[in-house]
C-alpha atoms as a PDB file:
ATOM      1  CA  MET A   1      10.211 119.676 145.081  1.00  0.00           C
ATOM      2  CA  ASN A   2       7.400 117.663 146.868  1.00  0.00           C
ATOM      3  CA  THR A   3       8.169 117.922 150.457  1.00  0.00           C
ATOM      4  CA  SER A   4       5.345 115.402 151.280  1.00  0.00           C
ATOM      5  CA  THR A   5       7.514 112.553 150.398  1.00  0.00           C
ATOM      6  CA  THR A   6      10.466 113.944 152.059  1.00  0.00           C
ATOM      7  CA  VAL A   7      11.708 111.812 155.220  1.00  0.00           C
ATOM      8  CA  ILE A   8      13.657 113.979 157.542  1.00  0.00           C
ATOM      9  CA  ASP A   9      14.960 112.765 160.992  1.00  0.00           C
ATOM     10  CA  PRO A  10      13.236 114.722 163.640  1.00  0.00           C
ATOM     11  CA  GLN A  11      16.236 114.674 166.146  1.00  0.00           C
ATOM     12  CA  PRO A  12      19.487 114.707 163.936  1.00  0.00           C
ATOM     13  CA  GLU A  13      22.880 115.323 166.124  1.00  0.00           C
ATOM     14  CA  HIS A  14      23.434 118.597 164.583  1.00  0.00           C
ATOM     15  CA  ALA A  15      21.159 121.015 162.612  1.00  0.00           C
ATOM     16  CA  ILE A  16      24.143 121.897 160.329  1.00  0.00           C
ATOM     17  CA  SER A  17      27.527 120.096 160.208  1.00  0.00           C
ATOM     18  CA  ALA A  18      30.557 120.988 157.839  1.00  0.00           C
ATOM     19  CA  ARG A  19      33.756 119.445 157.535  1.00  0.00           C
ATOM     20  CA  GLY A  20      36.613 120.745 155.379  1.00  0.00           C
ATOM     21  CA  LEU A  21      34.091 123.141 153.505  1.00  0.00           C
ATOM     22  CA  HIS A  22      36.350 125.011 150.946  1.00  0.00           C
ATOM     23  CA  LYS A  23      35.354 127.324 148.307  1.00  0.00           C
ATOM     24  CA  VAL A  24      37.800 129.162 145.773  1.00  0.00           C
ATOM     25  CA  TYR A  25      36.939 131.851 143.046  1.00  0.00           C
ATOM     26  CA  ARG A  26      38.758 132.750 140.297  1.00  0.00           C
ATOM     27  CA  ALA A  27      39.565 136.511 140.242  1.00  0.00           C
ATOM     28  CA  ASP A  28      39.934 138.681 137.185  1.00  0.00           C
ATOM     29  CA  GLY A  29      43.643 137.600 135.863  1.00  0.00           C
ATOM     30  CA  GLY A  30      43.477 134.095 137.126  1.00  0.00           C
ATOM     31  CA  ASP A  31      44.051 134.540 140.733  1.00  0.00           C
ATOM     32  CA  GLN A  32      42.468 132.415 143.369  1.00  0.00           C
ATOM     33  CA  VAL A  33      40.366 133.955 146.077  1.00  0.00           C
ATOM     34  CA  HIS A  34      39.472 131.613 148.816  1.00  0.00           C
ATOM     35  CA  ALA A  35      36.171 132.449 150.303  1.00  0.00           C
ATOM     36  CA  LEU A  36      36.012 129.531 152.559  1.00  0.00           C
ATOM     37  CA  ARG A  37      39.168 127.568 154.038  1.00  0.00           C
ATOM     38  CA  ALA A  38      38.643 124.101 155.232  1.00  0.00           C
ATOM     39  CA  VAL A  39      35.811 125.426 157.588  1.00  0.00           C
ATOM     40  CA  ASP A  40      34.713 122.559 160.236  1.00  0.00           C
ATOM     41  CA  LEU A  41      31.620 123.849 162.125  1.00  0.00           C
ATOM     42  CA  ASP A  42      28.563 121.995 163.932  1.00  0.00           C
ATOM     43  CA  VAL A  43      25.273 124.018 164.684  1.00  0.00           C
ATOM     44  CA  PRO A  44      23.412 122.615 167.436  1.00  0.00           C
ATOM     45  CA  ARG A  45      19.971 121.706 166.991  1.00  0.00           C
ATOM     46  CA  GLY A  46      17.123 123.517 168.521  1.00  0.00           C
ATOM     47  CA  GLY A  47      18.998 126.821 169.432  1.00  0.00           C
ATOM     48  CA  ILE A  48      19.975 130.268 167.874  1.00  0.00           C
ATOM     49  CA  PHE A  49      23.454 130.148 166.560  1.00  0.00           C
ATOM     50  CA  GLY A  50      25.238 133.220 165.634  1.00  0.00           C
ATOM     51  CA  LEU A  51      27.665 133.467 162.705  1.00  0.00           C
ATOM     52  CA  LEU A  52      29.695 136.500 162.841  1.00  0.00           C
ATOM     53  CA  GLY A  53      32.251 138.226 160.830  1.00  0.00           C
ATOM     54  CA  PRO A  54      33.708 141.264 159.053  1.00  0.00           C
ATOM     55  CA  ASN A  55      32.208 141.941 155.225  1.00  0.00           C
ATOM     56  CA  GLY A  56      33.912 139.470 153.082  1.00  0.00           C
ATOM     57  CA  ALA A  57      34.682 137.147 156.020  1.00  0.00           C
ATOM     58  CA  GLY A  58      32.865 134.089 153.944  1.00  0.00           C
ATOM     59  CA  LYS A  59      29.427 134.159 155.909  1.00  0.00           C
ATOM     60  CA  SER A  60      27.390 134.473 153.006  1.00  0.00           C
ATOM     61  CA  THR A  61      29.287 131.895 150.783  1.00  0.00           C
ATOM     62  CA  PHE A  62      29.002 129.280 153.847  1.00  0.00           C
ATOM     63  CA  ILE A  63      25.106 129.927 153.820  1.00  0.00           C
ATOM     64  CA  ASN A  64      24.783 129.949 150.155  1.00  0.00           C
ATOM     65  CA  ILE A  65      26.550 126.325 149.852  1.00  0.00           C
ATOM     66  CA  LEU A  66      23.996 125.133 152.255  1.00  0.00           C
ATOM     67  CA  ALA A  67      21.043 126.455 150.559  1.00  0.00           C
ATOM     68  CA  GLY A  68      22.318 125.117 147.365  1.00  0.00           C
ATOM     69  CA  LEU A  69      23.009 128.436 145.657  1.00  0.00           C
ATOM     70  CA  VAL A  70      26.747 127.891 145.200  1.00  0.00           C
ATOM     71  CA  VAL A  71      28.770 125.090 144.393  1.00  0.00           C
ATOM     72  CA  LYS A  72      31.453 124.121 146.829  1.00  0.00           C
ATOM     73  CA  THR A  73      35.153 123.262 145.996  1.00  0.00           C
ATOM     74  CA  GLY A  74      35.775 120.897 148.540  1.00  0.00           C
ATOM     75  CA  GLY A  75      34.703 119.212 151.651  1.00  0.00           C
ATOM     76  CA  SER A  76      31.680 118.280 152.988  1.00  0.00           C
ATOM     77  CA  ALA A  77      28.345 119.848 154.502  1.00  0.00           C
ATOM     78  CA  SER A  78      24.819 118.596 155.780  1.00  0.00           C
ATOM     79  CA  VAL A  79      21.579 120.279 156.857  1.00  0.00           C
ATOM     80  CA  TRP A  80      19.400 118.489 159.166  1.00  0.00           C
ATOM     81  CA  GLY A  81      21.308 115.281 158.735  1.00  0.00           C
ATOM     82  CA  LEU A  82      21.023 115.464 154.956  1.00  0.00           C
ATOM     83  CA  ASP A  83      24.294 115.346 152.898  1.00  0.00           C
ATOM     84  CA  ILE A  84      23.977 118.550 150.291  1.00  0.00           C
ATOM     85  CA  ASP A  85      25.623 116.329 147.644  1.00  0.00           C
ATOM     86  CA  ARG A  86      24.089 112.928 148.225  1.00  0.00           C
ATOM     87  CA  ASP A  87      20.674 114.239 149.028  1.00  0.00           C
ATOM     88  CA  PRO A  88      20.715 117.822 147.665  1.00  0.00           C
ATOM     89  CA  ARG A  89      16.747 117.985 147.044  1.00  0.00           C
ATOM     90  CA  HIS A  90      15.825 117.146 150.942  1.00  0.00           C
ATOM     91  CA  ALA A  91      18.756 118.941 152.140  1.00  0.00           C
ATOM     92  CA  ARG A  92      17.326 122.158 150.354  1.00  0.00           C
ATOM     93  CA  ALA A  93      13.981 121.355 151.656  1.00  0.00           C
ATOM     94  CA  ALA A  94      15.456 121.302 155.362  1.00  0.00           C
ATOM     95  CA  ILE A  95      16.585 124.849 155.076  1.00  0.00           C
ATOM     96  CA  GLY A  96      15.159 128.428 154.872  1.00  0.00           C
ATOM     97  CA  VAL A  97      17.008 131.398 154.068  1.00  0.00           C
ATOM     98  CA  VAL A  98      15.837 135.053 154.843  1.00  0.00           C
ATOM     99  CA  PRO A  99      18.079 137.335 152.737  1.00  0.00           C
ATOM    100  CA  GLN A 100      18.934 140.743 154.124  1.00  0.00           C
ATOM    101  CA  GLU A 101      17.544 142.717 151.075  1.00  0.00           C
ATOM    102  CA  LEU A 102      14.096 143.427 150.902  1.00  0.00           C
ATOM    103  CA  ASN A 103      13.677 141.986 147.421  1.00  0.00           C
ATOM    104  CA  LEU A 104       9.644 141.662 147.192  1.00  0.00           C
ATOM    105  CA  ASP A 105       7.318 142.497 144.353  1.00  0.00           C
ATOM    106  CA  ALA A 106       5.537 145.570 145.156  1.00  0.00           C
ATOM    107  CA  PHE A 107       2.330 144.267 143.200  1.00  0.00           C
ATOM    108  CA  PHE A 108       1.808 141.014 144.784  1.00  0.00           C
ATOM    109  CA  THR A 109       0.038 140.744 148.019  1.00  0.00           C
ATOM    110  CA  PRO A 110       1.459 138.596 151.125  1.00  0.00           C
ATOM    111  CA  TYR A 111      -0.939 135.582 150.409  1.00  0.00           C
ATOM    112  CA  GLU A 112       0.121 135.556 146.428  1.00  0.00           C
ATOM    113  CA  MET A 113       3.641 135.769 147.393  1.00  0.00           C
ATOM    114  CA  LEU A 114       3.509 132.631 149.735  1.00  0.00           C
ATOM    115  CA  GLU A 115       1.486 130.704 147.501  1.00  0.00           C
ATOM    116  CA  VAL A 116       3.976 131.247 144.616  1.00  0.00           C
ATOM    117  CA  GLN A 117       6.855 130.530 146.965  1.00  0.00           C
ATOM    118  CA  ALA A 118       5.171 127.109 147.939  1.00  0.00           C
ATOM    119  CA  GLY A 119       4.670 126.187 144.409  1.00  0.00           C
ATOM    120  CA  PHE A 120       8.486 126.674 143.446  1.00  0.00           C
ATOM    121  CA  TYR A 121       9.075 124.142 146.428  1.00  0.00           C
ATOM    122  CA  GLY A 122       6.424 121.771 144.928  1.00  0.00           C
ATOM    123  CA  VAL A 123       4.343 121.964 148.120  1.00  0.00           C
ATOM    124  CA  PRO A 124       0.881 120.772 146.899  1.00  0.00           C
ATOM    125  CA  PRO A 125      -2.035 123.139 147.159  1.00  0.00           C
ATOM    126  CA  LYS A 126      -3.718 120.861 149.871  1.00  0.00           C
ATOM    127  CA  GLU A 127      -0.612 120.949 151.905  1.00  0.00           C
ATOM    128  CA  ARG A 128      -0.160 124.673 151.998  1.00  0.00           C
ATOM    129  CA  ARG A 129      -0.218 126.626 155.132  1.00  0.00           C
ATOM    130  CA  THR A 130      -0.396 129.945 153.684  1.00  0.00           C
ATOM    131  CA  MET A 131      -2.900 131.743 156.143  1.00  0.00           C
ATOM    132  CA  GLU A 132      -1.400 129.758 159.149  1.00  0.00           C
ATOM    133  CA  ILE A 133       2.098 131.140 158.248  1.00  0.00           C
ATOM    134  CA  LEU A 134       0.793 134.576 157.836  1.00  0.00           C
ATOM    135  CA  GLU A 135      -0.657 134.331 161.119  1.00  0.00           C
ATOM    136  CA  ARG A 136       2.417 133.240 162.824  1.00  0.00           C
ATOM    137  CA  VAL A 137       4.133 136.245 161.561  1.00  0.00           C
ATOM    138  CA  GLY A 138       1.576 138.640 162.292  1.00  0.00           C
ATOM    139  CA  LEU A 139       0.480 139.531 158.977  1.00  0.00           C
ATOM    140  CA  GLU A 140      -2.946 137.784 158.590  1.00  0.00           C
ATOM    141  CA  ASP A 141      -4.555 141.121 158.546  1.00  0.00           C
ATOM    142  CA  LYS A 142      -2.492 142.064 155.393  1.00  0.00           C
ATOM    143  CA  ALA A 143      -2.848 138.863 153.484  1.00  0.00           C
ATOM    144  CA  LYS A 144      -4.687 140.810 150.768  1.00  0.00           C
ATOM    145  CA  ALA A 145      -2.775 144.065 150.633  1.00  0.00           C
ATOM    146  CA  TYR A 146      -0.088 144.848 148.155  1.00  0.00           C
ATOM    147  CA  SER A 147       3.413 144.477 149.752  1.00  0.00           C
ATOM    148  CA  ARG A 148       4.344 147.898 148.752  1.00  0.00           C
ATOM    149  CA  SER A 149       2.125 149.343 151.431  1.00  0.00           C
ATOM    150  CA  LEU A 150       3.783 147.228 154.353  1.00  0.00           C
ATOM    151  CA  SER A 151       5.977 148.873 156.773  1.00  0.00           C
ATOM    152  CA  GLY A 152       9.870 147.799 156.953  1.00  0.00           C
ATOM    153  CA  GLY A 153       8.988 145.513 159.669  1.00  0.00           C
ATOM    154  CA  MET A 154       6.215 143.754 158.140  1.00  0.00           C
ATOM    155  CA  ARG A 155       8.303 143.335 155.076  1.00  0.00           C
ATOM    156  CA  ARG A 156      10.966 141.479 157.027  1.00  0.00           C
ATOM    157  CA  ARG A 157       8.287 139.213 158.626  1.00  0.00           C
ATOM    158  CA  LEU A 158       6.950 138.466 155.092  1.00  0.00           C
ATOM    159  CA  LEU A 159      10.438 137.468 153.932  1.00  0.00           C
ATOM    160  CA  VAL A 160      10.347 135.196 157.114  1.00  0.00           C
ATOM    161  CA  ALA A 161       7.038 133.893 156.145  1.00  0.00           C
ATOM    162  CA  LYS A 162       8.427 133.186 152.415  1.00  0.00           C
ATOM    163  CA  ALA A 163      11.187 131.112 153.997  1.00  0.00           C
ATOM    164  CA  LEU A 164       8.811 128.892 155.953  1.00  0.00           C
ATOM    165  CA  VAL A 165       6.359 127.888 153.425  1.00  0.00           C
ATOM    166  CA  HIS A 166       8.106 124.432 153.120  1.00  0.00           C
ATOM    167  CA  ASN A 167       8.372 124.000 156.659  1.00  0.00           C
ATOM    168  CA  PRO A 168      12.184 123.886 157.151  1.00  0.00           C
ATOM    169  CA  PRO A 169      13.548 123.152 160.585  1.00  0.00           C
ATOM    170  CA  VAL A 170      16.613 125.303 160.008  1.00  0.00           C
ATOM    171  CA  LEU A 171      15.857 128.960 159.247  1.00  0.00           C
ATOM    172  CA  VAL A 172      18.928 131.320 158.273  1.00  0.00           C
ATOM    173  CA  LEU A 173      18.348 135.058 159.164  1.00  0.00           C
ATOM    174  CA  ASP A 174      21.003 137.033 157.351  1.00  0.00           C
ATOM    175  CA  GLU A 175      21.170 140.445 158.791  1.00  0.00           C
ATOM    176  CA  PRO A 176      17.745 140.547 159.930  1.00  0.00           C
ATOM    177  CA  THR A 177      17.940 144.131 161.631  1.00  0.00           C
ATOM    178  CA  ALA A 178      20.364 145.833 159.234  1.00  0.00           C
ATOM    179  CA  GLY A 179      19.205 149.315 158.969  1.00  0.00           C
ATOM    180  CA  VAL A 180      15.951 149.298 161.368  1.00  0.00           C
ATOM    181  CA  ASP A 181      15.802 151.613 164.339  1.00  0.00           C
ATOM    182  CA  ILE A 182      16.031 150.450 167.970  1.00  0.00           C
ATOM    183  CA  GLU A 183      12.523 149.931 168.512  1.00  0.00           C
ATOM    184  CA  LEU A 184      11.927 147.865 165.491  1.00  0.00           C
ATOM    185  CA  ARG A 185      15.087 145.863 166.197  1.00  0.00           C
ATOM    186  CA  ARG A 186      13.780 145.026 169.805  1.00  0.00           C
ATOM    187  CA  SER A 187      10.679 143.553 168.069  1.00  0.00           C
ATOM    188  CA  LEU A 188      12.174 141.474 165.506  1.00  0.00           C
ATOM    189  CA  TRP A 189      14.514 140.153 168.621  1.00  0.00           C
ATOM    190  CA  ASP A 190      11.128 138.963 170.142  1.00  0.00           C
ATOM    191  CA  PHE A 191      10.167 137.531 167.022  1.00  0.00           C
ATOM    192  CA  VAL A 192      13.076 135.424 166.257  1.00  0.00           C
ATOM    193  CA  LYS A 193      13.068 134.044 169.939  1.00  0.00           C
ATOM    194  CA  GLU A 194       9.329 133.119 169.274  1.00  0.00           C
ATOM    195  CA  LEU A 195      10.278 131.361 166.209  1.00  0.00           C
ATOM    196  CA  ASN A 196      12.786 129.449 168.114  1.00  0.00           C
ATOM    197  CA  ASN A 197      10.423 128.480 170.817  1.00  0.00           C
ATOM    198  CA  ASN A 198       8.327 127.127 168.519  1.00  0.00           C
ATOM    199  CA  GLY A 199      11.140 124.528 167.423  1.00  0.00           C
ATOM    200  CA  THR A 200      12.920 126.270 164.577  1.00  0.00           C
ATOM    201  CA  THR A 201      16.646 126.131 164.814  1.00  0.00           C
ATOM    202  CA  ILE A 202      17.927 129.502 163.896  1.00  0.00           C
ATOM    203  CA  VAL A 203      21.229 130.837 162.173  1.00  0.00           C
ATOM    204  CA  LEU A 204      21.538 134.523 162.527  1.00  0.00           C
ATOM    205  CA  THR A 205      24.305 136.452 160.794  1.00  0.00           C
ATOM    206  CA  THR A 206      24.637 140.295 162.087  1.00  0.00           C
ATOM    207  CA  HIS A 207      26.954 142.984 162.470  1.00  0.00           C
ATOM    208  CA  TYR A 208      25.468 143.731 165.957  1.00  0.00           C
ATOM    209  CA  LEU A 209      27.287 142.469 168.466  1.00  0.00           C
ATOM    210  CA  GLU A 210      24.768 143.230 171.033  1.00  0.00           C
ATOM    211  CA  GLU A 211      22.445 141.443 168.984  1.00  0.00           C
ATOM    212  CA  ALA A 212      24.391 137.909 168.912  1.00  0.00           C
ATOM    213  CA  GLU A 213      25.202 138.221 172.855  1.00  0.00           C
ATOM    214  CA  GLU A 214      21.379 138.987 173.495  1.00  0.00           C
ATOM    215  CA  LEU A 215      20.086 136.053 171.077  1.00  0.00           C
ATOM    216  CA  CYS A 216      22.612 133.453 170.620  1.00  0.00           C
ATOM    217  CA  ASP A 217      23.204 130.306 172.603  1.00  0.00           C
ATOM    218  CA  HIS A 218      26.404 129.465 170.549  1.00  0.00           C
ATOM    219  CA  ILE A 219      28.551 131.770 168.264  1.00  0.00           C
ATOM    220  CA  ALA A 220      31.090 131.088 165.466  1.00  0.00           C
ATOM    221  CA  ILE A 221      33.428 133.912 164.211  1.00  0.00           C
ATOM    222  CA  ILE A 222      34.701 133.471 160.849  1.00  0.00           C
ATOM    223  CA  ASN A 223      37.328 135.686 159.348  1.00  0.00           C
ATOM    224  CA  ARG A 224      39.071 135.487 155.732  1.00  0.00           C
ATOM    225  CA  GLY A 225      37.373 132.475 155.295  1.00  0.00           C
ATOM    226  CA  SER A 226      38.239 130.522 158.364  1.00  0.00           C
ATOM    227  CA  VAL A 227      36.699 129.841 161.743  1.00  0.00           C
ATOM    228  CA  ILE A 228      38.562 131.689 164.296  1.00  0.00           C
ATOM    229  CA  ALA A 229      36.330 130.899 167.298  1.00  0.00           C
ATOM    230  CA  TYR A 230      33.571 128.721 168.186  1.00  0.00           C
ATOM    231  CA  ASP A 231      31.749 128.292 171.515  1.00  0.00           C
ATOM    232  CA  ASP A 232      28.687 128.858 173.621  1.00  0.00           C
ATOM    233  CA  THR A 233      28.388 132.620 174.056  1.00  0.00           C
ATOM    234  CA  ARG A 234      28.912 132.902 177.547  1.00  0.00           C
ATOM    235  CA  SER A 235      32.095 130.893 177.457  1.00  0.00           C
ATOM    236  CA  LEU A 236      33.284 133.136 174.625  1.00  0.00           C
ATOM    237  CA  VAL A 237      32.709 136.315 176.376  1.00  0.00           C
ATOM    238  CA  GLN A 238      34.711 134.877 179.510  1.00  0.00           C
ATOM    239  CA  ARG A 239      37.782 133.809 177.160  1.00  0.00           C
ATOM    240  CA  LEU A 240      38.978 137.487 177.786  1.00  0.00           C
ATOM    241  CA  ASP A 241      39.311 137.744 181.177  1.00  0.00           C
ATOM    242  CA  ASN A 242      40.420 141.243 181.272  1.00  0.00           C
ATOM    243  CA  LYS A 243      38.710 143.610 183.612  1.00  0.00           C
ATOM    244  CA  GLU A 244      38.927 146.866 184.853  1.00  0.00           C
ATOM    245  CA  LEU A 245      38.399 148.499 188.208  1.00  0.00           C
ATOM    246  CA  ARG A 246      37.693 151.862 189.042  1.00  0.00           C
ATOM    247  CA  VAL A 247      38.445 153.130 192.609  1.00  0.00           C
ATOM    248  CA  THR A 248      37.314 156.644 193.571  1.00  0.00           C
ATOM    249  CA  VAL A 249      39.106 157.744 196.690  1.00  0.00           C
ATOM    250  CA  ALA A 250      37.966 160.344 199.102  1.00  0.00           C
ATOM    251  CA  GLN A 251      41.308 162.377 199.007  1.00  0.00           C
ATOM    252  CA  PRO A 252      43.090 164.122 196.108  1.00  0.00           C
ATOM    253  CA  LEU A 253      46.296 162.603 194.820  1.00  0.00           C
ATOM    254  CA  ASP A 254      49.257 164.101 193.406  1.00  0.00           C
ATOM    255  CA  ALA A 255      50.933 160.851 192.329  1.00  0.00           C
ATOM    256  CA  LEU A 256      50.334 157.225 192.460  1.00  0.00           C
ATOM    257  CA  PRO A 257      51.448 155.536 195.965  1.00  0.00           C
ATOM    258  CA  GLY A 258      54.222 153.476 195.673  1.00  0.00           C
ATOM    259  CA  ALA A 259      52.300 150.769 197.407  1.00  0.00           C
ATOM    260  CA  LEU A 260      50.300 150.132 194.203  1.00  0.00           C
ATOM    261  CA  SER A 261      53.329 149.978 191.850  1.00  0.00           C
ATOM    262  CA  ARG A 262      52.930 146.110 191.681  1.00  0.00           C
ATOM    263  CA  PHE A 263      49.639 146.480 189.639  1.00  0.00           C
ATOM    264  CA  THR A 264      48.890 148.103 186.372  1.00  0.00           C
ATOM    265  CA  VAL A 265      47.155 151.217 187.326  1.00  0.00           C
ATOM    266  CA  ASP A 266      46.503 154.586 185.832  1.00  0.00           C
ATOM    267  CA  LEU A 267      45.566 158.043 187.759  1.00  0.00           C
ATOM    268  CA  PRO A 268      43.241 159.810 185.152  1.00  0.00           C
ATOM    269  CA  ASP A 269      42.349 162.609 187.497  1.00  0.00           C
ATOM    270  CA  ASP A 270      43.322 163.150 191.231  1.00  0.00           C
ATOM    271  CA  CYS A 271      40.513 160.899 192.691  1.00  0.00           C
ATOM    272  CA  THR A 272      40.434 158.122 190.516  1.00  0.00           C
ATOM    273  CA  LEU A 273      42.504 155.173 190.057  1.00  0.00           C
ATOM    274  CA  VAL A 274      41.916 152.756 187.136  1.00  0.00           C
ATOM    275  CA  PHE A 275      43.318 149.081 187.635  1.00  0.00           C
ATOM    276  CA  ARG A 276      43.742 146.591 184.708  1.00  0.00           C
ATOM    277  CA  TYR A 277      43.854 143.434 185.737  1.00  0.00           C
ATOM    278  CA  ARG A 278      43.234 139.522 184.785  1.00  0.00           C
ATOM    279  CA  THR A 279      40.716 137.578 186.744  1.00  0.00           C
ATOM    280  CA  SER A 280      42.890 134.379 186.445  1.00  0.00           C
ATOM    281  CA  GLU A 281      46.010 136.217 188.132  1.00  0.00           C
ATOM    282  CA  THR A 282      44.420 138.826 190.691  1.00  0.00           C
ATOM    283  CA  GLU A 283      41.580 139.112 192.648  1.00  0.00           C
ATOM    284  CA  VAL A 284      39.847 142.169 193.321  1.00  0.00           C
ATOM    285  CA  ARG A 285      40.247 141.815 197.465  1.00  0.00           C
ATOM    286  CA  GLU A 286      44.047 142.103 196.817  1.00  0.00           C
ATOM    287  CA  ILE A 287      43.430 145.470 194.920  1.00  0.00           C
ATOM    288  CA  LEU A 288      41.438 146.669 197.607  1.00  0.00           C
ATOM    289  CA  ALA A 289      43.765 145.530 200.294  1.00  0.00           C
ATOM    290  CA  ALA A 290      46.550 147.340 198.641  1.00  0.00           C
ATOM    291  CA  VAL A 291      44.257 150.611 198.509  1.00  0.00           C
ATOM    292  CA  ALA A 292      44.021 150.323 202.124  1.00  0.00           C
ATOM    293  CA  ASP A 293      47.304 149.749 203.067  1.00  0.00           C
ATOM    294  CA  ALA A 294      48.286 152.805 201.161  1.00  0.00           C
ATOM    295  CA  GLY A 295      46.319 154.802 203.534  1.00  0.00           C
ATOM    296  CA  LEU A 296      43.178 155.666 200.864  1.00  0.00           C
ATOM    297  CA  VAL A 297      39.771 155.757 202.045  1.00  0.00           C
ATOM    298  CA  ILE A 298      37.584 154.458 198.949  1.00  0.00           C
ATOM    299  CA  ALA A 299      34.357 156.650 198.301  1.00  0.00           C
ATOM    300  CA  ASP A 300      33.154 154.577 195.243  1.00  0.00           C
ATOM    301  CA  LEU A 301      33.874 151.437 193.052  1.00  0.00           C
ATOM    302  CA  ALA A 302      32.833 150.557 189.470  1.00  0.00           C
ATOM    303  CA  THR A 303      33.881 147.400 187.482  1.00  0.00           C
ATOM    304  CA  GLU A 304      33.948 146.724 183.632  1.00  0.00           C
ATOM    305  CA  GLU A 305      34.143 143.279 182.085  1.00  0.00           C
ATOM    306  CA  PRO A 306      34.691 142.634 178.238  1.00  0.00           C
ATOM    307  CA  ASP A 307      31.839 141.981 176.000  1.00  0.00           C
ATOM    308  CA  LEU A 308      31.674 140.098 172.699  1.00  0.00           C
ATOM    309  CA  GLU A 309      32.872 143.209 170.977  1.00  0.00           C
ATOM    310  CA  ASP A 310      36.002 143.089 172.808  1.00  0.00           C
ATOM    311  CA  ILE A 311      36.312 139.436 171.961  1.00  0.00           C
ATOM    312  CA  PHE A 312      35.709 139.826 168.178  1.00  0.00           C
ATOM    313  CA  LEU A 313      37.971 142.622 167.871  1.00  0.00           C
ATOM    314  CA  GLU A 314      40.847 140.687 169.507  1.00  0.00           C
ATOM    315  CA  LEU A 315      40.207 137.803 167.660  1.00  0.00           C
ATOM    316  CA  THR A 316      39.746 139.237 164.318  1.00  0.00           C
ATOM    317  CA  ARG A 317      42.949 141.401 164.870  1.00  0.00           C
ATOM    318  CA  GLU A 318      44.840 138.194 165.883  1.00  0.00           C
ATOM    319  CA  ALA A 319      43.779 136.497 162.666  1.00  0.00           C
ATOM    320  CA  THR A 320      44.953 139.155 160.594  1.00  0.00           C
ATOM    321  CA  ASP A 321      48.225 139.556 162.213  1.00  0.00           C
ATOM    322  CA  HIS A 322      48.933 135.822 161.848  1.00  0.00           C
ATOM    323  CA  ALA A 323      47.737 135.836 158.262  1.00  0.00           C
END
């Protein structure tokens, strides 16, 4: 593939777009397994997009179809405005995929790996940016070291470097921090943000909801081959308006005051009241006024809001119940 002749729109409407994307596998015995079910999805250009879902949800199938590794059963998809059927060569040139597995040849140096990878993509020797890419991922001083001598974090950066040899505008990171310690995870987060700040659209699959909430501008949740939620991260978190208010009172209570019976409230110990409410229906001041009307003195307050994990669990549970 000679990327020097590739003409790519620098400002497509979407980095990735799918309409009715469908994939069916044949299982043993002839049964059909629907890996993707009429997926409609647009990935905004220029951001960090999170693709979440349990194991077997269809995330890898979706990515592999875009990368030309799996043939779809139906529907359409494009990468950087390039249809994967009408222009497969250029569509594949527009995307780089960083796999979860650390599949590196132990006896190749980073420099050699990038040169070989560039050859696979048909990048002419004069157009290769091997040392520039290694410098970009912080491995320029390891260019001539065998990959078996690299740390786990360095190996993940080398996988990213391999995916960048053909200068794709879209980079897919498949579970980039799986199995790494917290310190390295934070380092990789900074690296992902740096790649995005340099103009690369990032698609991130992850099992760490904290990671998606920290990094992603938009999130899609996929379950059993279907997209069950898609929104910007902040709006998605706000879709569950359940909140919890913990009120510590100065005097011990034997039972819940009758004045609070109109609320959903528990008394886990004799000085703590736990109110559960929806912000769309109840305001905090209403609860506090009722506590005061009951003659109670407030010693402390604490609130708890839903996070992405709450939403993920609720949405996947709903999708399973309706299946």
